[in-house]
mmCIF file of all heavy atoms, coordinates in Angstrom:
data_MODEL
# 
_entry.id   MODEL 
# 
loop_
_atom_site.group_PDB 
_atom_site.id 
_atom_site.type_symbol 
_atom_site.label_atom_id 
_atom_site.label_alt_id 
_atom_site.label_comp_id 
_atom_site.label_asym_id 
_atom_site.label_entity_id 
_atom_site.label_seq_id 
_atom_site.pdbx_PDB_ins_code 
_atom_site.Cartn_x 
_atom_site.Cartn_y 
_atom_site.Cartn_z 
_atom_site.occupancy 
_atom_site.B_iso_or_equiv 
_atom_site.pdbx_formal_charge 
_atom_site.auth_seq_id 
_atom_site.auth_comp_id 
_atom_site.auth_asym_id 
_atom_site.auth_atom_id 
_atom_site.pdbx_PDB_model_num 
ATOM 1   N N   . VAL A 1 1  ? 5.843   6.554  -17.196 1.00 0.00 ? 1  VAL A N   1 
ATOM 2   C CA  . VAL A 1 1  ? 7.192   6.021  -16.994 1.00 0.00 ? 1  VAL A CA  1 
ATOM 3   C C   . VAL A 1 1  ? 8.185   7.159  -16.659 1.00 0.00 ? 1  VAL A C   1 
ATOM 4   O O   . VAL A 1 1  ? 8.912   7.108  -15.667 1.00 0.00 ? 1  VAL A O   1 
ATOM 5   C CB  . VAL A 1 1  ? 7.669   5.232  -18.213 1.00 0.00 ? 1  VAL A CB  1 
ATOM 6   C CG1 . VAL A 1 1  ? 9.096   4.706  -17.985 1.00 0.00 ? 1  VAL A CG1 1 
ATOM 7   C CG2 . VAL A 1 1  ? 6.727   4.077  -18.516 1.00 0.00 ? 1  VAL A CG2 1 
ATOM 8   N N   . GLU A 1 2  ? 8.188   8.169  -17.526 1.00 0.00 ? 2  GLU A N   1 
ATOM 9   C CA  . GLU A 1 2  ? 9.022   9.348  -17.282 1.00 0.00 ? 2  GLU A CA  1 
ATOM 10  C C   . GLU A 1 2  ? 8.190   10.390 -16.540 1.00 0.00 ? 2  GLU A C   1 
ATOM 11  O O   . GLU A 1 2  ? 7.057   10.691 -16.921 1.00 0.00 ? 2  GLU A O   1 
ATOM 12  C CB  . GLU A 1 2  ? 9.510   9.939  -18.612 1.00 0.00 ? 2  GLU A CB  1 
ATOM 13  C CG  . GLU A 1 2  ? 10.347  8.980  -19.438 1.00 0.00 ? 2  GLU A CG  1 
ATOM 14  C CD  . GLU A 1 2  ? 11.693  8.682  -18.792 1.00 0.00 ? 2  GLU A CD  1 
ATOM 15  O OE1 . GLU A 1 2  ? 12.173  9.568  -18.025 1.00 0.00 ? 2  GLU A OE1 1 
ATOM 16  O OE2 . GLU A 1 2  ? 12.263  7.603  -19.049 1.00 0.00 ? 2  GLU A OE2 1 
ATOM 17  N N   . TRP A 1 3  ? 8.764   10.951 -15.469 1.00 0.00 ? 3  TRP A N   1 
ATOM 18  C CA  . TRP A 1 3  ? 8.026   11.869 -14.614 1.00 0.00 ? 3  TRP A CA  1 
ATOM 19  C C   . TRP A 1 3  ? 8.772   13.188 -14.421 1.00 0.00 ? 3  TRP A C   1 
ATOM 20  O O   . TRP A 1 3  ? 9.989   13.209 -14.343 1.00 0.00 ? 3  TRP A O   1 
ATOM 21  C CB  . TRP A 1 3  ? 7.780   11.236 -13.250 1.00 0.00 ? 3  TRP A CB  1 
ATOM 22  C CG  . TRP A 1 3  ? 6.949   10.000 -13.305 1.00 0.00 ? 3  TRP A CG  1 
ATOM 23  C CD1 . TRP A 1 3  ? 7.394   8.699  -13.276 1.00 0.00 ? 3  TRP A CD1 1 
ATOM 24  C CD2 . TRP A 1 3  ? 5.508   9.937  -13.420 1.00 0.00 ? 3  TRP A CD2 1 
ATOM 25  N NE1 . TRP A 1 3  ? 6.311   7.839  -13.368 1.00 0.00 ? 3  TRP A NE1 1 
ATOM 26  C CE2 . TRP A 1 3  ? 5.150   8.565  -13.446 1.00 0.00 ? 3  TRP A CE2 1 
ATOM 27  C CE3 . TRP A 1 3  ? 4.503   10.903 -13.476 1.00 0.00 ? 3  TRP A CE3 1 
ATOM 28  C CZ2 . TRP A 1 3  ? 3.840   8.145  -13.549 1.00 0.00 ? 3  TRP A CZ2 1 
ATOM 29  C CZ3 . TRP A 1 3  ? 3.190   10.495 -13.572 1.00 0.00 ? 3  TRP A CZ3 1 
ATOM 30  C CH2 . TRP A 1 3  ? 2.860   9.122  -13.602 1.00 0.00 ? 3  TRP A CH2 1 
ATOM 31  N N   . THR A 1 4  ? 7.992   14.270 -14.303 1.00 0.00 ? 4  THR A N   1 
ATOM 32  C CA  . THR A 1 4  ? 8.528   15.593 -13.975 1.00 0.00 ? 4  THR A CA  1 
ATOM 33  C C   . THR A 1 4  ? 7.854   16.071 -12.686 1.00 0.00 ? 4  THR A C   1 
ATOM 34  O O   . THR A 1 4  ? 6.635   16.153 -12.609 1.00 0.00 ? 4  THR A O   1 
ATOM 35  C CB  . THR A 1 4  ? 8.226   16.609 -15.094 1.00 0.00 ? 4  THR A CB  1 
ATOM 36  O OG1 . THR A 1 4  ? 8.842   16.165 -16.306 1.00 0.00 ? 4  THR A OG1 1 
ATOM 37  C CG2 . THR A 1 4  ? 8.767   17.986 -14.729 1.00 0.00 ? 4  THR A CG2 1 
ATOM 38  N N   . TRP A 1 5  ? 8.660   16.354 -11.684 1.00 0.00 ? 5  TRP A N   1 
ATOM 39  C CA  . TRP A 1 5  ? 8.130   16.823 -10.415 1.00 0.00 ? 5  TRP A CA  1 
ATOM 40  C C   . TRP A 1 5  ? 7.539   18.238 -10.566 1.00 0.00 ? 5  TRP A C   1 
ATOM 41  O O   . TRP A 1 5  ? 8.153   19.111 -11.172 1.00 0.00 ? 5  TRP A O   1 
ATOM 42  C CB  . TRP A 1 5  ? 9.197   16.807 -9.335  1.00 0.00 ? 5  TRP A CB  1 
ATOM 43  C CG  . TRP A 1 5  ? 9.659   15.428 -8.971  1.00 0.00 ? 5  TRP A CG  1 
ATOM 44  C CD1 . TRP A 1 5  ? 10.848  14.849 -9.263  1.00 0.00 ? 5  TRP A CD1 1 
ATOM 45  C CD2 . TRP A 1 5  ? 8.901   14.447 -8.243  1.00 0.00 ? 5  TRP A CD2 1 
ATOM 46  N NE1 . TRP A 1 5  ? 10.898  13.577 -8.785  1.00 0.00 ? 5  TRP A NE1 1 
ATOM 47  C CE2 . TRP A 1 5  ? 9.721   13.282 -8.142  1.00 0.00 ? 5  TRP A CE2 1 
ATOM 48  C CE3 . TRP A 1 5  ? 7.637   14.418 -7.670  1.00 0.00 ? 5  TRP A CE3 1 
ATOM 49  C CZ2 . TRP A 1 5  ? 9.301   12.134 -7.503  1.00 0.00 ? 5  TRP A CZ2 1 
ATOM 50  C CZ3 . TRP A 1 5  ? 7.230   13.268 -7.019  1.00 0.00 ? 5  TRP A CZ3 1 
ATOM 51  C CH2 . TRP A 1 5  ? 8.035   12.143 -6.935  1.00 0.00 ? 5  TRP A CH2 1 
ATOM 52  N N   . GLN A 1 6  ? 6.365   18.441 -9.971  1.00 0.00 ? 6  GLN A N   1 
ATOM 53  C CA  . GLN A 1 6  ? 5.651   19.714 -10.090 1.00 0.00 ? 6  GLN A CA  1 
ATOM 54  C C   . GLN A 1 6  ? 5.522   20.469 -8.772  1.00 0.00 ? 6  GLN A C   1 
ATOM 55  O O   . GLN A 1 6  ? 5.077   21.610 -8.779  1.00 0.00 ? 6  GLN A O   1 
ATOM 56  C CB  . GLN A 1 6  ? 4.243   19.468 -10.659 1.00 0.00 ? 6  GLN A CB  1 
ATOM 57  C CG  . GLN A 1 6  ? 4.216   18.771 -12.013 1.00 0.00 ? 6  GLN A CG  1 
ATOM 58  C CD  . GLN A 1 6  ? 4.738   19.652 -13.138 1.00 0.00 ? 6  GLN A CD  1 
ATOM 59  O OE1 . GLN A 1 6  ? 4.987   20.845 -12.972 1.00 0.00 ? 6  GLN A OE1 1 
ATOM 60  N NE2 . GLN A 1 6  ? 4.927   19.071 -14.316 1.00 0.00 ? 6  GLN A NE2 1 
ATOM 61  N N   . GLY A 1 7  ? 5.914   19.870 -7.670  1.00 0.00 ? 7  GLY A N   1 
ATOM 62  C CA  . GLY A 1 7  ? 5.832   20.573 -6.386  1.00 0.00 ? 7  GLY A CA  1 
ATOM 63  C C   . GLY A 1 7  ? 5.133   19.736 -5.327  1.00 0.00 ? 7  GLY A C   1 
ATOM 64  O O   . GLY A 1 7  ? 4.748   18.595 -5.550  1.00 0.00 ? 7  GLY A O   1 
ATOM 65  N N   . THR A 1 8  ? 4.975   20.324 -4.152  1.00 0.00 ? 8  THR A N   1 
ATOM 66  C CA  . THR A 1 8  ? 4.373   19.650 -3.010  1.00 0.00 ? 8  THR A CA  1 
ATOM 67  C C   . THR A 1 8  ? 2.859   19.698 -3.106  1.00 0.00 ? 8  THR A C   1 
ATOM 68  O O   . THR A 1 8  ? 2.272   20.776 -3.247  1.00 0.00 ? 8  THR A O   1 
ATOM 69  C CB  . THR A 1 8  ? 4.837   20.281 -1.695  1.00 0.00 ? 8  THR A CB  1 
ATOM 70  O OG1 . THR A 1 8  ? 6.261   20.184 -1.606  1.00 0.00 ? 8  THR A OG1 1 
ATOM 71  C CG2 . THR A 1 8  ? 4.206   19.601 -0.501  1.00 0.00 ? 8  THR A CG2 1 
ATOM 72  N N   . ALA A 1 9  ? 2.217   18.533 -3.024  1.00 0.00 ? 9  ALA A N   1 
ATOM 73  C CA  . ALA A 1 9  ? 0.761   18.461 -3.027  1.00 0.00 ? 9  ALA A CA  1 
ATOM 74  C C   . ALA A 1 9  ? 0.174   18.683 -1.652  1.00 0.00 ? 9  ALA A C   1 
ATOM 75  O O   . ALA A 1 9  ? -0.870  19.319 -1.489  1.00 0.00 ? 9  ALA A O   1 
ATOM 76  C CB  . ALA A 1 9  ? 0.300   17.120 -3.587  1.00 0.00 ? 9  ALA A CB  1 
ATOM 77  N N   . LEU A 1 10 ? 0.832   18.140 -0.620  1.00 0.00 ? 10 LEU A N   1 
ATOM 78  C CA  . LEU A 1 10 ? 0.346   18.290 0.746   1.00 0.00 ? 10 LEU A CA  1 
ATOM 79  C C   . LEU A 1 10 ? 1.501   18.045 1.701   1.00 0.00 ? 10 LEU A C   1 
ATOM 80  O O   . LEU A 1 10 ? 2.309   17.119 1.505   1.00 0.00 ? 10 LEU A O   1 
ATOM 81  C CB  . LEU A 1 10 ? -0.781  17.301 1.043   1.00 0.00 ? 10 LEU A CB  1 
ATOM 82  C CG  . LEU A 1 10 ? -1.533  17.502 2.354   1.00 0.00 ? 10 LEU A CG  1 
ATOM 83  C CD1 . LEU A 1 10 ? -2.365  18.790 2.310   1.00 0.00 ? 10 LEU A CD1 1 
ATOM 84  C CD2 . LEU A 1 10 ? -2.445  16.315 2.665   1.00 0.00 ? 10 LEU A CD2 1 
ATOM 85  N N   . ALA A 1 11 ? 1.593   18.875 2.726   1.00 0.00 ? 11 ALA A N   1 
ATOM 86  C CA  . ALA A 1 11 ? 2.588   18.724 3.786   1.00 0.00 ? 11 ALA A CA  1 
ATOM 87  C C   . ALA A 1 11 ? 1.905   18.737 5.137   1.00 0.00 ? 11 ALA A C   1 
ATOM 88  O O   . ALA A 1 11 ? 0.739   19.153 5.269   1.00 0.00 ? 11 ALA A O   1 
ATOM 89  C CB  . ALA A 1 11 ? 3.629   19.836 3.703   1.00 0.00 ? 11 ALA A CB  1 
ATOM 90  N N   . GLY A 1 12 ? 2.607   18.268 6.152   1.00 0.00 ? 12 GLY A N   1 
ATOM 91  C CA  . GLY A 1 12 ? 2.048   18.274 7.497   1.00 0.00 ? 12 GLY A CA  1 
ATOM 92  C C   . GLY A 1 12 ? 1.798   19.684 8.019   1.00 0.00 ? 12 GLY A C   1 
ATOM 93  O O   . GLY A 1 12 ? 2.436   20.644 7.585   1.00 0.00 ? 12 GLY A O   1 
ATOM 94  N N   . ARG A 1 13 ? 0.865   19.789 8.953   1.00 0.00 ? 13 ARG A N   1 
ATOM 95  C CA  . ARG A 1 13 ? 0.481   21.085 9.515   1.00 0.00 ? 13 ARG A CA  1 
ATOM 96  C C   . ARG A 1 13 ? 0.936   21.162 10.970  1.00 0.00 ? 13 ARG A C   1 
ATOM 97  O O   . ARG A 1 13 ? 0.589   20.296 11.773  1.00 0.00 ? 13 ARG A O   1 
ATOM 98  C CB  . ARG A 1 13 ? -1.040  21.255 9.427   1.00 0.00 ? 13 ARG A CB  1 
ATOM 99  C CG  . ARG A 1 13 ? -1.606  21.242 8.002   1.00 0.00 ? 13 ARG A CG  1 
ATOM 100 C CD  . ARG A 1 13 ? -3.119  21.134 8.005   1.00 0.00 ? 13 ARG A CD  1 
ATOM 101 N NE  . ARG A 1 13 ? -3.544  19.831 8.507   1.00 0.00 ? 13 ARG A NE  1 
ATOM 102 C CZ  . ARG A 1 13 ? -4.770  19.567 8.951   1.00 0.00 ? 13 ARG A CZ  1 
ATOM 103 N NH1 . ARG A 1 13 ? -5.679  20.537 8.953   1.00 0.00 ? 13 ARG A NH1 1 
ATOM 104 N NH2 . ARG A 1 13 ? -5.076  18.359 9.382   1.00 0.00 ? 13 ARG A NH2 1 
ATOM 105 N N   . ALA A 1 14 ? 1.691   22.162 11.295  1.00 0.00 ? 14 ALA A N   1 
ATOM 106 C CA  . ALA A 1 14 ? 2.217   22.315 12.652  1.00 0.00 ? 14 ALA A CA  1 
ATOM 107 C C   . ALA A 1 14 ? 1.076   22.323 13.670  1.00 0.00 ? 14 ALA A C   1 
ATOM 108 O O   . ALA A 1 14 ? 0.061   23.007 13.492  1.00 0.00 ? 14 ALA A O   1 
ATOM 109 C CB  . ALA A 1 14 ? 3.013   23.610 12.744  1.00 0.00 ? 14 ALA A CB  1 
ATOM 110 N N   . GLY A 1 15 ? 1.241   21.526 14.723  1.00 0.00 ? 15 GLY A N   1 
ATOM 111 C CA  . GLY A 1 15 ? 0.259   21.481 15.788  1.00 0.00 ? 15 GLY A CA  1 
ATOM 112 C C   . GLY A 1 15 ? -0.952  20.628 15.513  1.00 0.00 ? 15 GLY A C   1 
ATOM 113 O O   . GLY A 1 15 ? -1.823  20.508 16.387  1.00 0.00 ? 15 GLY A O   1 
ATOM 114 N N   . GLU A 1 16 ? -1.017  20.006 14.330  1.00 0.00 ? 16 GLU A N   1 
ATOM 115 C CA  . GLU A 1 16 ? -2.169  19.185 13.973  1.00 0.00 ? 16 GLU A CA  1 
ATOM 116 C C   . GLU A 1 16 ? -1.830  17.711 14.057  1.00 0.00 ? 16 GLU A C   1 
ATOM 117 O O   . GLU A 1 16 ? -0.675  17.315 14.267  1.00 0.00 ? 16 GLU A O   1 
ATOM 118 C CB  . GLU A 1 16 ? -2.660  19.543 12.563  1.00 0.00 ? 16 GLU A CB  1 
ATOM 119 C CG  . GLU A 1 16 ? -3.142  20.959 12.399  1.00 0.00 ? 16 GLU A CG  1 
ATOM 120 C CD  . GLU A 1 16 ? -4.493  21.205 13.080  1.00 0.00 ? 16 GLU A CD  1 
ATOM 121 O OE1 . GLU A 1 16 ? -5.172  20.203 13.415  1.00 0.00 ? 16 GLU A OE1 1 
ATOM 122 O OE2 . GLU A 1 16 ? -4.864  22.371 13.253  1.00 0.00 ? 16 GLU A OE2 1 
ATOM 123 N N   . TRP A 1 17 ? -2.851  16.861 13.824  1.00 0.00 ? 17 TRP A N   1 
ATOM 124 C CA  . TRP A 1 17 ? -2.663  15.409 13.914  1.00 0.00 ? 17 TRP A CA  1 
ATOM 125 C C   . TRP A 1 17 ? -1.749  14.871 12.841  1.00 0.00 ? 17 TRP A C   1 
ATOM 126 O O   . TRP A 1 17 ? -1.221  13.763 12.964  1.00 0.00 ? 17 TRP A O   1 
ATOM 127 C CB  . TRP A 1 17 ? -4.018  14.703 13.833  1.00 0.00 ? 17 TRP A CB  1 
ATOM 128 C CG  . TRP A 1 17 ? -4.702  14.872 12.510  1.00 0.00 ? 17 TRP A CG  1 
ATOM 129 C CD1 . TRP A 1 17 ? -5.543  15.878 12.152  1.00 0.00 ? 17 TRP A CD1 1 
ATOM 130 C CD2 . TRP A 1 17 ? -4.580  14.020 11.354  1.00 0.00 ? 17 TRP A CD2 1 
ATOM 131 N NE1 . TRP A 1 17 ? -5.968  15.711 10.856  1.00 0.00 ? 17 TRP A NE1 1 
ATOM 132 C CE2 . TRP A 1 17 ? -5.410  14.582 10.343  1.00 0.00 ? 17 TRP A CE2 1 
ATOM 133 C CE3 . TRP A 1 17 ? -3.881  12.843 11.082  1.00 0.00 ? 17 TRP A CE3 1 
ATOM 134 C CZ2 . TRP A 1 17 ? -5.525  14.001 9.092   1.00 0.00 ? 17 TRP A CZ2 1 
ATOM 135 C CZ3 . TRP A 1 17 ? -4.004  12.275 9.837   1.00 0.00 ? 17 TRP A CZ3 1 
ATOM 136 C CH2 . TRP A 1 17 ? -4.811  12.837 8.847   1.00 0.00 ? 17 TRP A CH2 1 
ATOM 137 N N   . ASP A 1 18 ? -1.491  15.662 11.773  1.00 0.00 ? 18 ASP A N   1 
ATOM 138 C CA  . ASP A 1 18 ? -0.636  15.232 10.657  1.00 0.00 ? 18 ASP A CA  1 
ATOM 139 C C   . ASP A 1 18 ? 0.684   15.994 10.600  1.00 0.00 ? 18 ASP A C   1 
ATOM 140 O O   . ASP A 1 18 ? 1.325   16.063 9.547   1.00 0.00 ? 18 ASP A O   1 
ATOM 141 C CB  . ASP A 1 18 ? -1.385  15.375 9.337   1.00 0.00 ? 18 ASP A CB  1 
ATOM 142 C CG  . ASP A 1 18 ? -1.899  16.799 9.095   1.00 0.00 ? 18 ASP A CG  1 
ATOM 143 O OD1 . ASP A 1 18 ? -1.574  17.695 9.895   1.00 0.00 ? 18 ASP A OD1 1 
ATOM 144 O OD2 . ASP A 1 18 ? -2.617  17.017 8.101   1.00 0.00 ? 18 ASP A OD2 1 
ATOM 145 N N   . ALA A 1 19 ? 1.113   16.560 11.738  1.00 0.00 ? 19 ALA A N   1 
ATOM 146 C CA  . ALA A 1 19 ? 2.281   17.464 11.747  1.00 0.00 ? 19 ALA A CA  1 
ATOM 147 C C   . ALA A 1 19 ? 3.568   16.796 11.294  1.00 0.00 ? 19 ALA A C   1 
ATOM 148 O O   . ALA A 1 19 ? 4.422   17.412 10.655  1.00 0.00 ? 19 ALA A O   1 
ATOM 149 C CB  . ALA A 1 19 ? 2.476   18.060 13.143  1.00 0.00 ? 19 ALA A CB  1 
ATOM 150 N N   . ARG A 1 20 ? 3.746   15.518 11.603  1.00 0.00 ? 20 ARG A N   1 
ATOM 151 C CA  . ARG A 1 20 ? 5.022   14.836 11.301  1.00 0.00 ? 20 ARG A CA  1 
ATOM 152 C C   . ARG A 1 20 ? 5.115   14.430 9.825   1.00 0.00 ? 20 ARG A C   1 
ATOM 153 O O   . ARG A 1 20 ? 6.221   14.314 9.299   1.00 0.00 ? 20 ARG A O   1 
ATOM 154 C CB  . ARG A 1 20 ? 5.160   13.609 12.190  1.00 0.00 ? 20 ARG A CB  1 
ATOM 155 C CG  . ARG A 1 20 ? 6.498   12.865 12.058  1.00 0.00 ? 20 ARG A CG  1 
ATOM 156 C CD  . ARG A 1 20 ? 7.630   13.655 12.670  1.00 0.00 ? 20 ARG A CD  1 
ATOM 157 N NE  . ARG A 1 20 ? 8.913   12.913 12.609  1.00 0.00 ? 20 ARG A NE  1 
ATOM 158 C CZ  . ARG A 1 20 ? 10.056  13.343 13.111  1.00 0.00 ? 20 ARG A CZ  1 
ATOM 159 N NH1 . ARG A 1 20 ? 10.096  14.522 13.727  1.00 0.00 ? 20 ARG A NH1 1 
ATOM 160 N NH2 . ARG A 1 20 ? 11.140  12.621 13.017  1.00 0.00 ? 20 ARG A NH2 1 
ATOM 161 N N   . GLY A 1 21 ? 3.966   14.214 9.173   1.00 0.00 ? 21 GLY A N   1 
ATOM 162 C CA  . GLY A 1 21 ? 4.051   13.830 7.781   1.00 0.00 ? 21 GLY A CA  1 
ATOM 163 C C   . GLY A 1 21 ? 2.729   13.364 7.219   1.00 0.00 ? 21 GLY A C   1 
ATOM 164 O O   . GLY A 1 21 ? 1.815   12.965 7.973   1.00 0.00 ? 21 GLY A O   1 
ATOM 165 N N   . VAL A 1 22 ? 2.625   13.414 5.875   1.00 0.00 ? 22 VAL A N   1 
ATOM 166 C CA  . VAL A 1 22 ? 1.388   13.033 5.179   1.00 0.00 ? 22 VAL A CA  1 
ATOM 167 C C   . VAL A 1 22 ? 1.738   12.186 3.965   1.00 0.00 ? 22 VAL A C   1 
ATOM 168 O O   . VAL A 1 22 ? 2.802   12.362 3.338   1.00 0.00 ? 22 VAL A O   1 
ATOM 169 C CB  . VAL A 1 22 ? 0.583   14.268 4.743   1.00 0.00 ? 22 VAL A CB  1 
ATOM 170 C CG1 . VAL A 1 22 ? 0.147   15.072 5.954   1.00 0.00 ? 22 VAL A CG1 1 
ATOM 171 C CG2 . VAL A 1 22 ? 1.378   15.145 3.796   1.00 0.00 ? 22 VAL A CG2 1 
ATOM 172 N N   . ARG A 1 23 ? 0.830   11.264 3.622   1.00 0.00 ? 23 ARG A N   1 
ATOM 173 C CA  . ARG A 1 23 ? 1.050   10.344 2.495   1.00 0.00 ? 23 ARG A CA  1 
ATOM 174 C C   . ARG A 1 23 ? -0.299  10.066 1.850   1.00 0.00 ? 23 ARG A C   1 
ATOM 175 O O   . ARG A 1 23 ? -1.194  9.505  2.457   1.00 0.00 ? 23 ARG A O   1 
ATOM 176 C CB  . ARG A 1 23 ? 1.658   9.054  3.013   1.00 0.00 ? 23 ARG A CB  1 
ATOM 177 C CG  . ARG A 1 23 ? 1.778   7.927  1.994   1.00 0.00 ? 23 ARG A CG  1 
ATOM 178 C CD  . ARG A 1 23 ? 2.396   6.691  2.637   1.00 0.00 ? 23 ARG A CD  1 
ATOM 179 N NE  . ARG A 1 23 ? 1.619   6.203  3.754   1.00 0.00 ? 23 ARG A NE  1 
ATOM 180 C CZ  . ARG A 1 23 ? 2.154   5.644  4.864   1.00 0.00 ? 23 ARG A CZ  1 
ATOM 181 N NH1 . ARG A 1 23 ? 3.463   5.524  4.989   1.00 0.00 ? 23 ARG A NH1 1 
ATOM 182 N NH2 . ARG A 1 23 ? 1.376   5.210  5.835   1.00 0.00 ? 23 ARG A NH2 1 
ATOM 183 N N   . PHE A 1 24 ? -0.451  10.425 0.562   1.00 0.00 ? 24 PHE A N   1 
ATOM 184 C CA  . PHE A 1 24 ? -1.684  10.111 -0.166  1.00 0.00 ? 24 PHE A CA  1 
ATOM 185 C C   . PHE A 1 24 ? -1.814  8.603  -0.311  1.00 0.00 ? 24 PHE A C   1 
ATOM 186 O O   . PHE A 1 24 ? -0.836  7.889  -0.541  1.00 0.00 ? 24 PHE A O   1 
ATOM 187 C CB  . PHE A 1 24 ? -1.675  10.738 -1.550  1.00 0.00 ? 24 PHE A CB  1 
ATOM 188 C CG  . PHE A 1 24 ? -2.041  12.215 -1.588  1.00 0.00 ? 24 PHE A CG  1 
ATOM 189 C CD1 . PHE A 1 24 ? -2.084  12.977 -0.431  1.00 0.00 ? 24 PHE A CD1 1 
ATOM 190 C CD2 . PHE A 1 24 ? -2.344  12.832 -2.786  1.00 0.00 ? 24 PHE A CD2 1 
ATOM 191 C CE1 . PHE A 1 24 ? -2.401  14.313 -0.454  1.00 0.00 ? 24 PHE A CE1 1 
ATOM 192 C CE2 . PHE A 1 24 ? -2.683  14.178 -2.842  1.00 0.00 ? 24 PHE A CE2 1 
ATOM 193 C CZ  . PHE A 1 24 ? -2.728  14.923 -1.662  1.00 0.00 ? 24 PHE A CZ  1 
ATOM 194 N N   . SER A 1 25 ? -3.085  8.118  -0.224  1.00 0.00 ? 25 SER A N   1 
ATOM 195 C CA  . SER A 1 25 ? -3.353  6.700  -0.513  1.00 0.00 ? 25 SER A CA  1 
ATOM 196 C C   . SER A 1 25 ? -4.333  6.530  -1.649  1.00 0.00 ? 25 SER A C   1 
ATOM 197 O O   . SER A 1 25 ? -4.363  5.453  -2.259  1.00 0.00 ? 25 SER A O   1 
ATOM 198 C CB  . SER A 1 25 ? -3.893  6.012  0.745   1.00 0.00 ? 25 SER A CB  1 
ATOM 199 O OG  . SER A 1 25 ? -5.073  6.611  1.210   1.00 0.00 ? 25 SER A OG  1 
ATOM 200 N N   . SER A 1 26 ? -5.174  7.540  -1.940  1.00 0.00 ? 26 SER A N   1 
ATOM 201 C CA  . SER A 1 26 ? -6.100  7.500  -3.069  1.00 0.00 ? 26 SER A CA  1 
ATOM 202 C C   . SER A 1 26 ? -6.357  8.923  -3.539  1.00 0.00 ? 26 SER A C   1 
ATOM 203 O O   . SER A 1 26 ? -6.391  9.849  -2.720  1.00 0.00 ? 26 SER A O   1 
ATOM 204 C CB  . SER A 1 26 ? -7.448  6.880  -2.679  1.00 0.00 ? 26 SER A CB  1 
ATOM 205 O OG  . SER A 1 26 ? -7.364  5.489  -2.485  1.00 0.00 ? 26 SER A OG  1 
ATOM 206 N N   . VAL A 1 27 ? -6.543  9.074  -4.845  1.00 0.00 ? 27 VAL A N   1 
ATOM 207 C CA  . VAL A 1 27 ? -6.997  10.346 -5.414  1.00 0.00 ? 27 VAL A CA  1 
ATOM 208 C C   . VAL A 1 27 ? -8.123  10.045 -6.383  1.00 0.00 ? 27 VAL A C   1 
ATOM 209 O O   . VAL A 1 27 ? -7.951  9.254  -7.326  1.00 0.00 ? 27 VAL A O   1 
ATOM 210 C CB  . VAL A 1 27 ? -5.858  11.100 -6.138  1.00 0.00 ? 27 VAL A CB  1 
ATOM 211 C CG1 . VAL A 1 27 ? -6.390  12.343 -6.805  1.00 0.00 ? 27 VAL A CG1 1 
ATOM 212 C CG2 . VAL A 1 27 ? -4.739  11.446 -5.159  1.00 0.00 ? 27 VAL A CG2 1 
ATOM 213 N N   . LEU A 1 28 ? -9.278  10.657 -6.166  1.00 0.00 ? 28 LEU A N   1 
ATOM 214 C CA  . LEU A 1 28 ? -10.435 10.487 -7.045  1.00 0.00 ? 28 LEU A CA  1 
ATOM 215 C C   . LEU A 1 28 ? -10.698 11.805 -7.747  1.00 0.00 ? 28 LEU A C   1 
ATOM 216 O O   . LEU A 1 28 ? -10.791 12.853 -7.093  1.00 0.00 ? 28 LEU A O   1 
ATOM 217 C CB  . LEU A 1 28 ? -11.665 10.048 -6.280  1.00 0.00 ? 28 LEU A CB  1 
ATOM 218 C CG  . LEU A 1 28 ? -11.749 8.548  -5.985  1.00 0.00 ? 28 LEU A CG  1 
ATOM 219 C CD1 . LEU A 1 28 ? -10.885 8.226  -4.782  1.00 0.00 ? 28 LEU A CD1 1 
ATOM 220 C CD2 . LEU A 1 28 ? -13.171 8.108  -5.729  1.00 0.00 ? 28 LEU A CD2 1 
ATOM 221 N N   . VAL A 1 29 ? -10.840 11.746 -9.059  1.00 0.00 ? 29 VAL A N   1 
ATOM 222 C CA  . VAL A 1 29 ? -11.015 12.940 -9.881  1.00 0.00 ? 29 VAL A CA  1 
ATOM 223 C C   . VAL A 1 29 ? -12.417 12.922 -10.492 1.00 0.00 ? 29 VAL A C   1 
ATOM 224 O O   . VAL A 1 29 ? -12.820 11.926 -11.119 1.00 0.00 ? 29 VAL A O   1 
ATOM 225 C CB  . VAL A 1 29 ? -9.956  13.013 -11.001 1.00 0.00 ? 29 VAL A CB  1 
ATOM 226 C CG1 . VAL A 1 29 ? -10.159 14.256 -11.853 1.00 0.00 ? 29 VAL A CG1 1 
ATOM 227 C CG2 . VAL A 1 29 ? -8.539  13.001 -10.409 1.00 0.00 ? 29 VAL A CG2 1 
# 
C-alpha cells in the first residue's frame, strides 16, 4: 500500500526498437 521509489528499472535505448519508452508487463523471480 505504502511505496518508496528506488530508481529506474529500465529505460528506452537510443536508436533501438524501444527508444521512445518501455513498460514492464510481467516479472518472474
